[in-house]
N, C-alpha and C. Protein backbone atom coordinates (compact mmCIF):
# COMPACT_ATOMS: atom_id res chain seq x y z
N MET A 1 0.93 -1.51 -0.12
CA MET A 1 -0.34 0.32 0.23
C MET A 1 1.10 0.86 -0.20
N GLY A 2 0.53 2.10 -0.70
CA GLY A 2 1.13 2.90 -0.87
C GLY A 2 0.94 4.55 -0.34
N LYS A 3 1.24 5.52 -0.11
CA LYS A 3 1.18 6.60 1.41
C LYS A 3 0.92 7.96 0.28
N LEU A 4 -0.05 8.82 0.43
CA LEU A 4 -0.40 10.42 0.09
C LEU A 4 0.21 10.86 1.05
N THR A 5 1.08 11.57 -0.17
CA THR A 5 1.96 12.95 0.50
C THR A 5 1.63 14.33 0.14
N LEU A 6 1.57 15.58 0.81
CA LEU A 6 1.16 16.30 0.40
C LEU A 6 2.56 17.45 0.57
N THR A 7 2.42 18.60 -0.54
CA THR A 7 3.67 18.54 -0.77
C THR A 7 3.61 20.58 -0.82
N THR A 8 3.59 21.49 0.10
CA THR A 8 2.89 22.57 -0.15
C THR A 8 4.21 24.06 0.20
N PHE A 9 4.03 24.84 -0.64
CA PHE A 9 4.60 26.36 -0.28
C PHE A 9 4.25 27.33 0.00
N VAL A 10 3.76 27.76 1.40
CA VAL A 10 3.21 28.77 2.05
C VAL A 10 4.23 30.06 2.15
N THR A 11 3.58 30.76 3.01
CA THR A 11 3.97 32.40 2.96
C THR A 11 3.98 32.48 4.89
N LEU A 12 5.31 33.45 5.56
CA LEU A 12 4.84 33.20 6.49
C LEU A 12 3.36 33.01 7.31
N ASP A 13 2.33 33.82 6.64
CA ASP A 13 0.79 34.02 6.86
C ASP A 13 -0.01 32.89 6.36
N GLY A 14 0.54 32.24 5.78
CA GLY A 14 0.04 30.88 5.41
C GLY A 14 -0.75 31.00 4.17
N VAL A 15 -0.20 31.99 3.39
CA VAL A 15 -0.95 32.13 1.97
C VAL A 15 0.29 30.97 0.91
N MET A 16 -1.07 30.58 0.28
CA MET A 16 0.00 29.48 -0.73
C MET A 16 -0.66 29.56 -2.30
N GLN A 17 -0.98 30.61 -2.44
CA GLN A 17 -1.74 31.18 -3.57
C GLN A 17 -0.70 31.62 -4.99
N ALA A 18 -0.58 31.10 -5.64
CA ALA A 18 0.18 31.83 -7.15
C ALA A 18 1.53 31.59 -6.52
N PRO A 19 2.24 30.57 -6.16
CA PRO A 19 3.61 31.07 -6.04
C PRO A 19 4.82 31.34 -6.82
N GLY A 20 4.34 30.98 -8.30
CA GLY A 20 5.61 30.10 -9.40
C GLY A 20 5.45 31.81 -10.11
N GLY A 21 4.39 32.38 -10.31
CA GLY A 21 4.45 33.38 -11.10
C GLY A 21 3.50 34.45 -11.31
N THR A 22 3.83 35.49 -11.62
CA THR A 22 2.56 36.97 -11.66
C THR A 22 0.90 36.68 -12.26
N GLU A 23 1.16 35.98 -13.73
CA GLU A 23 -0.44 35.00 -13.91
C GLU A 23 -0.80 34.32 -13.80
N GLU A 24 0.14 33.51 -12.36
CA GLU A 24 -0.24 31.80 -12.21
C GLU A 24 -1.90 32.03 -11.64
N ASP A 25 -2.26 32.85 -10.78
CA ASP A 25 -3.57 33.02 -10.96
C ASP A 25 -3.89 34.43 -9.52
N ARG A 26 -4.90 34.75 -10.41
CA ARG A 26 -5.42 36.27 -10.02
C ARG A 26 -6.89 36.39 -9.55
N SER A 27 -7.37 34.64 -9.23
CA SER A 27 -8.43 34.62 -8.24
C SER A 27 -8.56 35.50 -7.22
N GLY A 28 -9.72 35.96 -7.14
CA GLY A 28 -9.90 36.78 -6.17
C GLY A 28 -9.32 37.95 -5.93
N GLY A 29 -8.82 38.57 -6.91
CA GLY A 29 -8.14 39.82 -7.32
C GLY A 29 -6.23 39.40 -6.35
N PHE A 30 -5.83 38.52 -6.79
CA PHE A 30 -4.53 38.22 -5.65
C PHE A 30 -3.46 39.13 -6.62
N GLU A 31 -2.73 39.67 -6.24
CA GLU A 31 -1.71 40.69 -7.13
C GLU A 31 -0.54 40.48 -6.36
N TYR A 32 -0.09 39.43 -5.73
CA TYR A 32 1.43 39.19 -5.59
C TYR A 32 2.15 37.73 -5.83
N GLY A 33 1.54 37.23 -6.71
CA GLY A 33 1.52 36.29 -7.41
C GLY A 33 3.24 36.45 -8.16
N GLY A 34 4.03 34.80 -7.69
CA GLY A 34 5.82 34.84 -7.80
C GLY A 34 6.42 34.99 -6.83
N TRP A 35 5.68 35.30 -5.87
CA TRP A 35 6.39 35.81 -4.31
C TRP A 35 7.48 34.60 -4.18
N LEU A 36 7.28 33.68 -4.16
CA LEU A 36 8.54 32.13 -3.92
C LEU A 36 9.78 32.25 -4.60
N VAL A 37 9.49 33.19 -6.21
CA VAL A 37 10.64 33.48 -6.77
C VAL A 37 12.14 33.98 -6.13
N PRO A 38 12.46 35.10 -5.88
CA PRO A 38 13.23 35.85 -4.92
C PRO A 38 13.81 34.55 -3.93
N PHE A 39 13.23 33.38 -3.63
CA PHE A 39 13.86 32.26 -2.74
C PHE A 39 14.08 31.13 -3.33
N ALA A 40 14.05 31.03 -4.19
CA ALA A 40 14.72 30.00 -5.05
C ALA A 40 15.77 29.70 -5.23
N ASP A 41 16.35 28.84 -4.00
CA ASP A 41 18.02 28.96 -4.09
C ASP A 41 17.75 27.04 -4.51
N GLU A 42 19.15 26.67 -3.90
CA GLU A 42 19.66 25.21 -4.35
C GLU A 42 19.13 24.07 -3.49
N GLY A 43 19.25 25.09 -1.84
CA GLY A 43 18.29 24.07 -1.33
C GLY A 43 17.00 23.65 -1.38
N MET A 44 16.04 24.38 -1.91
CA MET A 44 15.03 24.64 -1.98
C MET A 44 14.67 23.24 -3.33
N LEU A 45 15.49 23.65 -4.42
CA LEU A 45 15.23 22.97 -5.43
C LEU A 45 15.90 21.73 -5.24
N GLU A 46 17.03 21.63 -4.73
CA GLU A 46 17.74 19.25 -4.16
C GLU A 46 15.93 19.19 -3.48
N PHE A 47 15.36 20.02 -2.70
CA PHE A 47 15.02 19.02 -1.66
C PHE A 47 12.95 18.74 -2.86
N VAL A 48 13.00 20.03 -3.39
CA VAL A 48 11.33 19.41 -4.30
C VAL A 48 11.81 18.33 -5.16
N LYS A 49 13.36 18.24 -5.84
CA LYS A 49 13.74 17.26 -6.72
C LYS A 49 13.79 15.79 -5.85
N ASP A 50 13.70 16.22 -4.99
CA ASP A 50 14.26 14.43 -4.16
C ASP A 50 12.91 14.30 -3.73
N VAL A 51 11.73 15.17 -3.29
CA VAL A 51 10.27 14.83 -3.30
C VAL A 51 9.65 14.16 -4.37
N TYR A 52 9.63 14.84 -6.10
CA TYR A 52 9.42 14.14 -7.11
C TYR A 52 9.90 12.95 -7.37
N GLY A 53 11.20 12.56 -7.44
CA GLY A 53 11.78 11.58 -8.03
C GLY A 53 11.09 10.45 -6.80
N ARG A 54 10.60 10.44 -5.64
CA ARG A 54 9.77 9.76 -5.22
C ARG A 54 8.52 8.89 -5.40
N THR A 55 7.47 9.77 -6.51
CA THR A 55 6.50 9.97 -6.84
C THR A 55 6.20 8.37 -7.15
N GLU A 56 4.93 7.65 -7.26
CA GLU A 56 4.26 6.64 -8.29
C GLU A 56 3.55 7.17 -9.14
N ALA A 57 2.72 8.20 -8.69
CA ALA A 57 1.49 9.03 -9.07
C ALA A 57 1.07 10.78 -8.44
N PHE A 58 0.39 11.22 -9.24
CA PHE A 58 0.23 12.72 -8.57
C PHE A 58 -1.47 12.76 -8.50
N LEU A 59 -2.05 13.06 -7.20
CA LEU A 59 -3.67 13.40 -7.28
C LEU A 59 -3.57 15.62 -7.10
N LEU A 60 -4.22 15.58 -7.60
CA LEU A 60 -3.90 17.41 -8.32
C LEU A 60 -5.16 17.60 -8.31
N GLY A 61 -5.76 18.86 -7.79
CA GLY A 61 -6.76 19.65 -7.84
C GLY A 61 -7.63 20.52 -9.66
N ARG A 62 -8.59 20.50 -9.82
CA ARG A 62 -8.65 20.86 -11.32
C ARG A 62 -7.72 22.10 -11.35
N ARG A 63 -7.41 23.75 -10.90
CA ARG A 63 -6.68 24.46 -11.03
C ARG A 63 -5.48 24.04 -11.01
N THR A 64 -4.65 23.64 -10.23
CA THR A 64 -3.22 22.90 -10.16
C THR A 64 -3.32 22.24 -11.16
N TYR A 65 -4.04 21.21 -11.73
CA TYR A 65 -3.94 20.35 -13.05
C TYR A 65 -3.44 21.26 -14.06
N GLU A 66 -4.84 22.26 -14.55
CA GLU A 66 -3.99 23.06 -15.65
C GLU A 66 -3.29 24.13 -15.50
N ILE A 67 -2.76 24.79 -14.22
CA ILE A 67 -1.78 25.21 -14.55
C ILE A 67 -0.71 24.35 -14.95
N PHE A 68 -0.53 23.48 -14.39
CA PHE A 68 0.93 22.38 -14.45
C PHE A 68 0.44 21.91 -16.21
N ALA A 69 -0.70 21.76 -16.71
CA ALA A 69 -0.11 20.94 -18.17
C ALA A 69 -0.38 22.63 -19.15
N GLY A 70 -0.22 24.06 -18.64
CA GLY A 70 0.01 24.54 -19.39
C GLY A 70 1.13 25.03 -19.51
N TYR A 71 1.98 24.40 -18.64
CA TYR A 71 3.98 24.55 -18.34
C TYR A 71 4.41 23.90 -18.67
N TRP A 72 4.77 22.33 -17.97
CA TRP A 72 5.39 21.29 -18.10
C TRP A 72 5.32 20.42 -19.34
N PRO A 73 4.30 20.38 -20.14
CA PRO A 73 4.69 19.52 -21.21
C PRO A 73 5.49 20.54 -22.29
N HIS A 74 5.56 22.07 -22.07
CA HIS A 74 6.29 22.44 -23.26
C HIS A 74 7.77 22.34 -22.24
N HIS A 75 8.21 22.43 -20.91
CA HIS A 75 9.57 22.24 -20.44
C HIS A 75 9.45 20.61 -19.80
N ASP A 76 9.72 19.72 -21.33
CA ASP A 76 10.23 18.63 -20.56
C ASP A 76 11.64 18.44 -20.69
N ASP A 77 11.94 17.67 -20.10
CA ASP A 77 13.28 16.95 -19.78
C ASP A 77 13.11 15.60 -19.10
N PRO A 78 13.18 14.81 -20.20
CA PRO A 78 12.63 13.46 -19.05
C PRO A 78 13.81 12.49 -18.05
N ALA A 79 15.34 13.39 -18.24
CA ALA A 79 16.17 12.77 -16.86
C ALA A 79 15.93 13.70 -15.35
N ASP A 80 15.01 14.80 -15.95
CA ASP A 80 14.61 15.96 -15.21
C ASP A 80 13.58 14.98 -14.13
N PRO A 81 13.38 14.74 -12.36
CA PRO A 81 12.57 14.13 -12.07
C PRO A 81 11.40 15.14 -11.42
N ILE A 82 11.47 16.38 -12.11
CA ILE A 82 10.18 17.31 -12.11
C ILE A 82 9.47 17.04 -13.21
N ALA A 83 9.83 17.74 -14.41
CA ALA A 83 9.39 17.59 -15.45
C ALA A 83 9.38 15.97 -15.74
N GLY A 84 10.52 15.43 -15.56
CA GLY A 84 9.80 14.30 -16.83
C GLY A 84 8.95 13.40 -15.58
N ASN A 85 8.54 13.05 -14.11
CA ASN A 85 7.69 12.43 -13.60
C ASN A 85 6.20 13.03 -13.86
N LEU A 86 6.39 14.71 -14.02
CA LEU A 86 4.76 14.64 -13.99
C LEU A 86 4.40 14.38 -15.33
N ASN A 87 5.36 14.80 -16.50
CA ASN A 87 4.63 14.39 -17.97
C ASN A 87 4.31 13.01 -18.14
N ARG A 88 4.83 11.71 -17.51
CA ARG A 88 4.77 10.44 -17.55
C ARG A 88 4.40 9.68 -16.70
N LEU A 89 4.17 10.06 -15.07
CA LEU A 89 3.66 9.49 -14.53
C LEU A 89 1.99 9.82 -14.40
N PRO A 90 1.23 8.96 -13.90
CA PRO A 90 -0.24 8.57 -13.34
C PRO A 90 -1.03 10.33 -13.02
N LYS A 91 -1.59 11.25 -13.69
CA LYS A 91 -2.34 11.78 -13.01
C LYS A 91 -3.45 11.54 -12.42
N TYR A 92 -4.17 11.85 -11.27
CA TYR A 92 -5.76 11.52 -11.15
C TYR A 92 -6.23 13.12 -10.86
N VAL A 93 -7.20 13.46 -11.40
CA VAL A 93 -7.81 14.87 -10.57
C VAL A 93 -8.98 14.41 -10.05
N ALA A 94 -9.01 15.27 -8.83
CA ALA A 94 -10.31 15.58 -8.05
C ALA A 94 -11.43 16.72 -8.49
N SER A 95 -11.66 16.35 -9.98
CA SER A 95 -12.93 17.72 -10.27
C SER A 95 -13.93 17.29 -10.88
N THR A 96 -15.40 18.22 -10.30
CA THR A 96 -16.50 17.73 -10.76
C THR A 96 -17.07 18.62 -12.28
N THR A 97 -15.81 19.27 -12.72
CA THR A 97 -15.87 20.30 -13.72
C THR A 97 -15.30 19.83 -14.85
N LEU A 98 -13.93 19.20 -14.34
CA LEU A 98 -12.99 18.99 -15.71
C LEU A 98 -13.54 17.72 -16.51
N ARG A 99 -14.23 18.34 -18.11
CA ARG A 99 -14.40 16.97 -18.77
C ARG A 99 -13.35 16.63 -19.99
N GLU A 100 -12.51 17.00 -20.75
CA GLU A 100 -11.82 16.66 -21.58
C GLU A 100 -10.63 17.14 -21.11
N PRO A 101 -9.87 16.41 -19.83
CA PRO A 101 -7.88 16.46 -19.71
C PRO A 101 -7.08 16.23 -20.90
N ALA A 102 -5.98 16.97 -21.44
CA ALA A 102 -5.59 16.77 -22.40
C ALA A 102 -4.15 16.39 -21.96
N TRP A 103 -3.67 16.65 -21.07
CA TRP A 103 -2.23 16.06 -20.17
C TRP A 103 -2.34 14.69 -19.27
N GLY A 104 -1.78 13.90 -20.61
CA GLY A 104 -2.00 12.52 -19.54
C GLY A 104 -0.39 12.26 -19.23
N PRO A 105 -0.53 10.89 -18.93
CA PRO A 105 -1.91 9.68 -18.26
C PRO A 105 -2.63 10.84 -17.41
N VAL A 106 -4.08 10.52 -17.81
CA VAL A 106 -4.55 11.38 -16.78
C VAL A 106 -6.06 10.42 -16.35
N THR A 107 -6.65 10.65 -15.22
CA THR A 107 -8.03 9.91 -14.94
C THR A 107 -8.59 11.06 -13.79
N VAL A 108 -9.77 11.19 -13.96
CA VAL A 108 -11.42 12.02 -13.56
C VAL A 108 -11.30 11.49 -12.78
N LEU A 109 -11.18 12.09 -11.16
CA LEU A 109 -12.27 11.56 -10.26
C LEU A 109 -13.46 12.56 -9.87
N ASP A 110 -14.11 12.09 -10.38
CA ASP A 110 -15.40 13.34 -10.29
C ASP A 110 -16.88 12.57 -9.38
N GLY A 111 -16.53 11.31 -8.90
CA GLY A 111 -17.56 11.02 -8.15
C GLY A 111 -18.01 11.38 -6.77
N GLU A 112 -19.43 10.58 -6.21
CA GLU A 112 -20.00 10.91 -5.30
C GLU A 112 -19.11 10.64 -3.78
N HIS A 113 -18.42 9.18 -4.42
CA HIS A 113 -17.60 8.68 -3.31
C HIS A 113 -15.89 8.96 -3.32
N LEU A 114 -15.61 10.03 -3.56
CA LEU A 114 -14.32 10.90 -4.28
C LEU A 114 -13.68 10.24 -3.22
N GLN A 115 -13.63 10.41 -1.67
CA GLN A 115 -12.86 9.89 -0.74
C GLN A 115 -12.56 8.16 -0.78
N SER A 116 -12.86 7.33 -0.86
CA SER A 116 -13.05 6.22 -1.44
C SER A 116 -12.38 5.77 -2.68
N GLU A 117 -12.14 6.54 -4.00
CA GLU A 117 -11.55 6.50 -4.19
C GLU A 117 -9.97 6.43 -5.04
N ILE A 118 -9.80 7.73 -3.85
CA ILE A 118 -8.58 8.32 -3.51
C ILE A 118 -7.42 6.95 -2.31
N VAL A 119 -8.71 6.39 -1.95
CA VAL A 119 -7.94 5.31 -1.30
C VAL A 119 -7.64 4.35 -1.73
N ARG A 120 -8.44 3.58 -2.93
CA ARG A 120 -8.66 2.85 -3.85
C ARG A 120 -6.72 2.68 -4.51
N VAL A 121 -6.93 4.40 -5.04
CA VAL A 121 -5.54 4.62 -5.85
C VAL A 121 -4.59 4.60 -4.55
N LYS A 122 -4.62 5.10 -3.61
CA LYS A 122 -3.23 4.57 -3.31
C LYS A 122 -2.91 3.42 -2.76
N ASP A 123 -4.23 2.49 -2.26
CA ASP A 123 -3.78 1.36 -2.17
C ASP A 123 -3.12 0.42 -3.49
N THR A 124 -3.68 0.85 -4.41
CA THR A 124 -2.80 -0.08 -5.65
C THR A 124 -1.58 0.15 -5.69
N LEU A 125 -0.84 1.42 -4.70
CA LEU A 125 0.26 2.01 -5.37
C LEU A 125 1.92 1.00 -4.38
N GLU A 126 2.60 1.55 -4.99
CA GLU A 126 3.86 0.74 -3.75
C GLU A 126 4.63 2.18 -2.98
N GLY A 127 4.45 3.16 -3.72
CA GLY A 127 5.08 4.38 -3.56
C GLY A 127 4.60 5.15 -3.05
N GLU A 128 4.67 7.19 -3.72
CA GLU A 128 4.18 7.66 -3.04
C GLU A 128 2.87 8.31 -4.17
N LEU A 129 1.82 8.55 -4.01
CA LEU A 129 0.80 9.52 -4.00
C LEU A 129 0.67 10.92 -3.78
N GLN A 130 1.23 11.29 -4.72
CA GLN A 130 1.83 12.94 -4.04
C GLN A 130 0.52 13.92 -4.50
N VAL A 131 0.53 14.76 -3.75
CA VAL A 131 -0.52 15.90 -4.00
C VAL A 131 0.31 17.50 -3.97
N HIS A 132 0.55 18.28 -5.28
CA HIS A 132 1.47 18.95 -4.94
C HIS A 132 0.40 20.16 -4.79
N GLY A 133 0.50 21.83 -3.78
CA GLY A 133 -0.94 22.75 -4.58
C GLY A 133 -1.91 22.25 -4.40
N SER A 134 -2.82 22.78 -5.42
CA SER A 134 -4.17 22.06 -4.68
C SER A 134 -4.95 22.65 -3.50
N GLY A 135 -5.06 23.81 -3.60
CA GLY A 135 -5.23 24.36 -2.17
C GLY A 135 -6.60 23.77 -1.48
N GLN A 136 -8.03 23.63 -2.21
CA GLN A 136 -8.92 22.94 -1.73
C GLN A 136 -9.19 21.97 -1.58
N LEU A 137 -8.56 20.84 -2.77
CA LEU A 137 -8.10 19.55 -2.30
C LEU A 137 -7.38 19.34 -1.31
N ALA A 138 -6.57 19.74 -0.74
CA ALA A 138 -5.77 19.36 0.28
C ALA A 138 -6.30 20.12 1.50
N GLN A 139 -7.15 21.02 1.74
CA GLN A 139 -7.84 21.52 3.08
C GLN A 139 -8.88 20.40 2.63
N TRP A 140 -9.20 19.65 1.95
CA TRP A 140 -10.30 18.55 1.83
C TRP A 140 -9.86 16.87 2.61
N LEU A 141 -8.20 16.74 2.06
CA LEU A 141 -8.03 15.73 2.52
C LEU A 141 -7.19 15.90 3.78
N LEU A 142 -7.23 17.09 4.33
CA LEU A 142 -6.99 17.15 5.73
C LEU A 142 -7.84 17.04 7.02
N ALA A 143 -8.65 17.66 6.30
CA ALA A 143 -10.28 17.46 7.07
C ALA A 143 -10.82 15.75 6.91
N ARG A 144 -10.18 15.04 6.27
CA ARG A 144 -10.54 13.84 6.44
C ARG A 144 -9.43 12.91 6.67
N ASP A 145 -8.02 13.27 7.36
CA ASP A 145 -7.34 12.59 7.89
C ASP A 145 -6.70 11.15 6.83
N LEU A 146 -6.66 12.07 5.50
CA LEU A 146 -6.10 11.46 4.16
C LEU A 146 -4.68 11.35 4.59
N VAL A 147 -4.07 12.74 4.35
CA VAL A 147 -2.75 13.12 4.09
C VAL A 147 -1.85 11.76 4.79
N ASP A 148 -0.77 11.52 5.13
CA ASP A 148 0.25 10.19 5.26
C ASP A 148 0.91 11.34 5.63
N GLU A 149 1.53 12.33 4.78
CA GLU A 149 3.08 13.24 4.99
C GLU A 149 2.42 14.30 4.72
N LEU A 150 3.55 15.14 5.16
CA LEU A 150 2.80 16.96 5.18
C LEU A 150 4.51 17.13 4.72
N ASN A 151 4.68 18.16 3.76
CA ASN A 151 6.13 18.41 3.34
C ASN A 151 5.52 19.46 3.56
N LEU A 152 6.02 20.63 4.23
CA LEU A 152 5.95 22.26 4.68
C LEU A 152 6.89 23.05 4.11
N LEU A 153 6.70 24.27 3.23
CA LEU A 153 8.49 24.72 2.90
C LEU A 153 7.71 26.27 2.92
N VAL A 154 8.26 26.49 4.37
CA VAL A 154 7.51 28.13 4.40
C VAL A 154 8.67 29.22 4.34
N PHE A 155 8.28 29.63 3.00
CA PHE A 155 8.96 31.36 3.09
C PHE A 155 9.04 32.50 3.48
N PRO A 156 10.27 32.99 3.68
CA PRO A 156 10.02 34.53 4.54
C PRO A 156 9.69 35.65 3.73
N VAL A 157 8.51 35.45 3.90
CA VAL A 157 7.61 36.55 3.60
C VAL A 157 6.48 36.39 3.51
N PHE A 158 5.74 37.49 4.20
CA PHE A 158 4.69 38.19 4.60
C PHE A 158 3.67 38.90 3.82
N LEU A 159 1.97 38.34 3.49
CA LEU A 159 1.40 39.12 1.88
C LEU A 159 0.65 39.73 2.65
N GLY A 160 -0.43 39.23 3.36
CA GLY A 160 -1.62 39.51 3.65
C GLY A 160 -2.57 39.45 3.35
N ALA A 161 -2.39 38.53 2.33
CA ALA A 161 -3.80 38.68 1.06
C ALA A 161 -3.62 37.38 0.51
N GLY A 162 -4.22 36.55 0.31
CA GLY A 162 -4.70 35.40 -0.69
C GLY A 162 -4.95 33.99 0.07
N ARG A 163 -5.45 32.72 -0.61
CA ARG A 163 -5.55 31.69 -0.19
C ARG A 163 -4.58 31.66 0.51
N LYS A 164 -5.71 30.71 1.58
CA LYS A 164 -4.81 29.82 2.24
C LYS A 164 -4.37 28.39 2.71
N LEU A 165 -3.28 28.00 3.40
CA LEU A 165 -3.83 26.67 3.21
C LEU A 165 -4.68 26.15 4.50
N PHE A 166 -4.53 26.26 5.48
CA PHE A 166 -5.07 26.25 6.31
C PHE A 166 -6.17 27.00 6.69
N SER A 167 -7.34 26.52 6.87
CA SER A 167 -8.87 26.76 6.47
C SER A 167 -8.95 26.42 8.24
N THR A 168 -10.51 27.31 8.75
CA THR A 168 -10.97 26.96 9.44
C THR A 168 -11.74 25.93 9.62
N GLY A 169 -12.41 24.55 10.10
CA GLY A 169 -13.22 23.92 10.62
C GLY A 169 -12.59 22.65 10.26
N GLY A 170 -11.00 22.82 10.39
CA GLY A 170 -10.52 21.18 9.86
C GLY A 170 -10.07 20.52 11.29
N LEU A 171 -9.57 19.27 11.26
CA LEU A 171 -9.72 18.43 12.83
C LEU A 171 -8.41 19.17 13.46
N PRO A 172 -8.77 19.28 14.37
CA PRO A 172 -7.57 19.53 15.70
C PRO A 172 -6.40 17.92 15.67
N THR A 173 -5.23 18.20 14.99
CA THR A 173 -4.55 17.28 14.40
C THR A 173 -3.21 17.60 14.79
N ALA A 174 -2.31 16.13 16.00
CA ALA A 174 -1.04 16.67 16.50
C ALA A 174 -0.23 15.82 14.90
N PHE A 175 1.02 16.21 14.77
CA PHE A 175 1.40 15.88 13.87
C PHE A 175 3.30 15.63 14.88
N GLU A 176 4.12 14.89 13.91
CA GLU A 176 5.49 14.73 14.29
C GLU A 176 5.82 14.93 13.56
N VAL A 177 7.40 16.13 13.93
CA VAL A 177 8.33 16.12 13.03
C VAL A 177 9.77 14.75 12.19
N THR A 178 9.28 14.48 11.05
CA THR A 178 10.26 13.63 10.51
C THR A 178 11.30 14.20 9.93
N ASP A 179 11.67 15.70 9.43
CA ASP A 179 12.82 15.81 8.96
C ASP A 179 12.38 17.53 8.81
N SER A 180 13.67 18.26 8.93
CA SER A 180 13.64 19.91 9.35
C SER A 180 14.99 19.94 8.38
N ARG A 181 14.86 21.63 8.04
CA ARG A 181 16.04 22.28 7.40
C ARG A 181 16.27 23.70 7.06
N THR A 182 16.45 24.34 6.70
CA THR A 182 16.56 25.64 6.16
C THR A 182 17.43 25.93 5.38
N THR A 183 16.73 26.44 4.09
CA THR A 183 17.80 26.59 3.46
C THR A 183 18.61 27.98 3.12
N SER A 184 19.70 28.31 2.54
CA SER A 184 20.65 29.74 2.73
C SER A 184 19.92 31.22 2.50
N VAL A 185 18.32 30.90 1.85
CA VAL A 185 17.45 32.11 1.72
C VAL A 185 16.88 32.04 2.95
N GLY A 186 17.07 31.17 4.24
CA GLY A 186 16.06 31.38 4.90
C GLY A 186 14.47 30.36 4.65
N THR A 187 14.21 29.65 3.77
CA THR A 187 13.39 29.08 3.62
C THR A 187 13.44 27.76 4.86
N SER A 188 12.56 27.70 5.86
CA SER A 188 12.26 26.69 6.72
C SER A 188 11.36 24.98 5.92
N ILE A 189 11.82 24.01 5.89
CA ILE A 189 11.38 22.79 5.10
C ILE A 189 10.87 21.98 6.30
N HIS A 190 10.18 21.78 6.44
CA HIS A 190 9.57 20.73 7.33
C HIS A 190 9.09 18.96 6.82
N THR A 191 9.41 18.18 7.49
CA THR A 191 7.72 17.29 7.38
C THR A 191 7.33 16.29 7.98
N TYR A 192 5.88 16.25 8.06
CA TYR A 192 5.46 15.82 9.43
C TYR A 192 4.67 14.72 9.11
N ARG A 193 4.15 14.23 9.97
CA ARG A 193 3.16 13.04 9.93
C ARG A 193 2.12 12.96 11.23
N PRO A 194 1.38 13.04 10.60
CA PRO A 194 0.16 12.86 11.65
C PRO A 194 0.21 11.42 13.03
N LYS A 195 -0.17 12.06 13.94
CA LYS A 195 -0.32 10.93 14.81
C LYS A 195 -1.35 10.77 16.33
N GLY A 196 -2.31 11.95 15.59
CA GLY A 196 -3.80 11.45 16.08
C GLY A 196 -4.45 13.06 16.41
N ARG A 197 -5.56 12.69 17.12
CA ARG A 197 -6.11 13.82 17.73
C ARG A 197 -5.04 14.81 18.51
N ALA A 198 -5.62 16.23 18.21
CA ALA A 198 -4.27 17.08 19.39
C ALA A 198 -5.20 16.97 20.78
N ALA A 199 -4.60 17.22 21.58
CA ALA A 199 -4.73 16.92 23.14
C ALA A 199 -4.48 18.56 23.41
N PHE A 200 -4.77 18.58 24.90
CA PHE A 200 -5.04 20.11 25.31
C PHE A 200 -4.87 20.08 27.12
N GLY A 201 -4.24 20.97 27.26
CA GLY A 201 -3.77 20.67 29.06
C GLY A 201 -4.18 22.32 29.60
N THR A 202 -3.45 22.45 30.40
CA THR A 202 -3.64 23.58 31.62
C THR A 202 -2.48 23.95 32.57
N PHE A 203 -1.32 24.66 32.04
CA PHE A 203 -0.73 24.97 33.19
C PHE A 203 -1.03 25.47 34.55
N THR A 204 -0.15 24.75 35.19
CA THR A 204 -0.43 25.20 37.18
C THR A 204 -0.07 25.58 37.57
């Protein structure tokens, strides 16, 4: 059985929207696209390549799938673990609106039994079913305890606007840190695994 991993880039105030380009995602009037670019150092790239090198399949939200589909087919390199795996490995898209996806190999998961379909896909794998970006999907997965491992890359910038990874209404969950590092420009990279419901107490 494989595991579902979530890798996300966030600002200090938790914004995950449009990290890679000014025109990537302007929904909601977002004006700060491309905020990650000044912090894209070798340490970040090394970590991301290592993550992509472990994947067996991808699970993406519709918006992220379409952003990736507009870029990666035109920047292909079979020897690169990011471009090579994105363009060649199976992609599953959770969407009720995507009808004719052109960037394959791809399967659209749009049924009312989405949770069981995702679990079924994961159970057919030996390696990682990876989620990248995909904010709404990420929140949906976290709220249902479906994420087995979380890679959180926190960049030293505060925006004050934009869609955030962690919304209200999620399940209180405790995590253990399995890896942690800081890149040359101050990006904090942490890998977490959930270990059950959060505990509470009082200092006396």
